[in-house]
Amino acid sequence: MSLLSTVITSPPDRENCVFEIWAGANQLAEVSHEPGRPIEIEIYPPVEGGKWNLKFEDLMTALHQATKNLASHE
């Protein structure tokens, strides 16, 4: 099971910053809050196929951090 890490980025195709969630060297998800839209999460499939196997608490912590961090970057 990979440890989750997070990073705030500012991709050129987004108006606001996004919050990336990484599982090891692979991006698991991107959380965004674009103008006029609710906070959304885009979940990516594992690069090598198969499925993600994550601790529920770790994912919930990352999602909670995303909500707090995106609100502070608006």
C-alpha atoms as a PDB file:
ATOM      1  CA  MET A   1       0.000   0.000   0.000  1.00  0.00           C
ATOM      2  CA  SER A   2       1.449   3.363  -1.061  1.00  0.00           C
ATOM      3  CA  LEU A   3       1.664   6.374   1.194  1.00  0.00           C
ATOM      4  CA  LEU A   4      -0.325   9.365   0.002  1.00  0.00           C
ATOM      5  CA  SER A   5       1.269  12.735  -0.597  1.00  0.00           C
ATOM      6  CA  THR A   6      -0.290  15.991  -1.702  1.00  0.00           C
ATOM      7  CA  VAL A   7       0.722  19.123  -3.591  1.00  0.00           C
ATOM      8  CA  ILE A   8      -0.965  22.361  -4.679  1.00  0.00           C
ATOM      9  CA  THR A   9      -0.300  23.205  -8.336  1.00  0.00           C
ATOM     10  CA  SER A  10      -1.352  25.888 -10.780  1.00  0.00           C
ATOM     11  CA  PRO A  11      -1.868  24.182 -14.148  1.00  0.00           C
ATOM     12  CA  PRO A  12      -2.158  26.478 -17.188  1.00  0.00           C
ATOM     13  CA  ASP A  13      -5.515  24.998 -18.217  1.00  0.00           C
ATOM     14  CA  ARG A  14      -7.199  25.898 -14.890  1.00  0.00           C
ATOM     15  CA  GLU A  15      -8.261  29.276 -13.567  1.00  0.00           C
ATOM     16  CA  ASN A  16      -7.606  28.323  -9.933  1.00  0.00           C
ATOM     17  CA  CYS A  17      -5.036  26.160  -8.179  1.00  0.00           C
ATOM     18  CA  VAL A  18      -5.643  22.419  -7.925  1.00  0.00           C
ATOM     19  CA  PHE A  19      -4.814  19.963  -5.154  1.00  0.00           C
ATOM     20  CA  GLU A  20      -3.110  16.792  -6.398  1.00  0.00           C
ATOM     21  CA  ILE A  21      -3.162  13.523  -4.438  1.00  0.00           C
ATOM     22  CA  TRP A  22      -0.325  11.112  -5.180  1.00  0.00           C
ATOM     23  CA  ALA A  23       0.128   7.455  -4.240  1.00  0.00           C
ATOM     24  CA  GLY A  24       3.853   6.923  -4.442  1.00  0.00           C
ATOM     25  CA  ALA A  25       4.991   8.075  -7.904  1.00  0.00           C
ATOM     26  CA  ASN A  26       1.486   7.907  -9.420  1.00  0.00           C
ATOM     27  CA  GLN A  27      -1.154  10.625  -9.370  1.00  0.00           C
ATOM     28  CA  LEU A  28      -4.325   9.267  -7.793  1.00  0.00           C
ATOM     29  CA  ALA A  29      -6.588  12.316  -8.067  1.00  0.00           C
ATOM     30  CA  GLU A  30      -6.932  16.024  -8.672  1.00  0.00           C
ATOM     31  CA  VAL A  31      -9.305  18.166  -6.614  1.00  0.00           C
ATOM     32  CA  SER A  32     -10.360  21.500  -8.111  1.00  0.00           C
ATOM     33  CA  HIS A  33     -12.683  24.398  -7.394  1.00  0.00           C
ATOM     34  CA  GLU A  34     -13.218  26.340 -10.603  1.00  0.00           C
ATOM     35  CA  PRO A  35     -15.361  29.501 -10.662  1.00  0.00           C
ATOM     36  CA  GLY A  36     -19.087  28.769 -10.711  1.00  0.00           C
ATOM     37  CA  ARG A  37     -18.562  25.065  -9.974  1.00  0.00           C
ATOM     38  CA  PRO A  38     -18.585  23.005  -6.790  1.00  0.00           C
ATOM     39  CA  ILE A  39     -15.392  21.388  -5.514  1.00  0.00           C
ATOM     40  CA  GLU A  40     -14.795  18.443  -7.838  1.00  0.00           C
ATOM     41  CA  ILE A  41     -12.493  15.422  -7.773  1.00  0.00           C
ATOM     42  CA  GLU A  42     -11.089  13.695 -10.829  1.00  0.00           C
ATOM     43  CA  ILE A  43      -9.815  10.186 -10.019  1.00  0.00           C
ATOM     44  CA  TYR A  44      -7.232   8.571 -12.284  1.00  0.00           C
ATOM     45  CA  PRO A  45      -6.761   4.821 -12.848  1.00  0.00           C
ATOM     46  CA  PRO A  46      -3.522   3.206 -11.677  1.00  0.00           C
ATOM     47  CA  VAL A  47      -0.836   3.517 -14.358  1.00  0.00           C
ATOM     48  CA  GLU A  48       0.007  -0.185 -14.307  1.00  0.00           C
ATOM     49  CA  GLY A  49      -3.645  -1.286 -14.243  1.00  0.00           C
ATOM     50  CA  GLY A  50      -5.328  -3.081 -11.403  1.00  0.00           C
ATOM     51  CA  LYS A  51      -6.891  -1.110  -8.583  1.00  0.00           C
ATOM     52  CA  TRP A  52      -5.985   1.360  -5.867  1.00  0.00           C
ATOM     53  CA  ASN A  53      -5.687  -0.129  -2.382  1.00  0.00           C
ATOM     54  CA  LEU A  54      -5.716   2.742   0.115  1.00  0.00           C
ATOM     55  CA  LYS A  55      -6.399   3.241   3.784  1.00  0.00           C
ATOM     56  CA  PHE A  56      -9.761   4.997   4.067  1.00  0.00           C
ATOM     57  CA  GLU A  57      -8.455   7.358   6.742  1.00  0.00           C
ATOM     58  CA  ASP A  58      -5.489   8.407   4.579  1.00  0.00           C
ATOM     59  CA  LEU A  59      -7.726   9.274   1.642  1.00  0.00           C
ATOM     60  CA  MET A  60     -10.207  11.159   3.815  1.00  0.00           C
ATOM     61  CA  THR A  61      -7.369  13.145   5.383  1.00  0.00           C
ATOM     62  CA  ALA A  62      -6.064  14.107   1.931  1.00  0.00           C
ATOM     63  CA  LEU A  63      -9.559  15.140   0.782  1.00  0.00           C
ATOM     64  CA  HIS A  64     -10.065  17.220   3.917  1.00  0.00           C
ATOM     65  CA  GLN A  65      -6.701  18.926   3.288  1.00  0.00           C
ATOM     66  CA  ALA A  66      -7.772  19.609  -0.304  1.00  0.00           C
ATOM     67  CA  THR A  67     -10.946  21.387   0.830  1.00  0.00           C
ATOM     68  CA  LYS A  68      -9.059  23.554   3.334  1.00  0.00           C
ATOM     69  CA  ASN A  69      -6.195  24.370   0.978  1.00  0.00           C
ATOM     70  CA  LEU A  70      -8.357  25.194  -2.028  1.00  0.00           C
ATOM     71  CA  ALA A  71     -10.459  27.567   0.085  1.00  0.00           C
ATOM     72  CA  SER A  72      -7.309  29.420   1.178  1.00  0.00           C
ATOM     73  CA  HIS A  73      -6.082  29.780  -2.440  1.00  0.00           C
ATOM     74  CA  GLU A  74      -9.252  31.404  -3.819  1.00  0.00           C
END
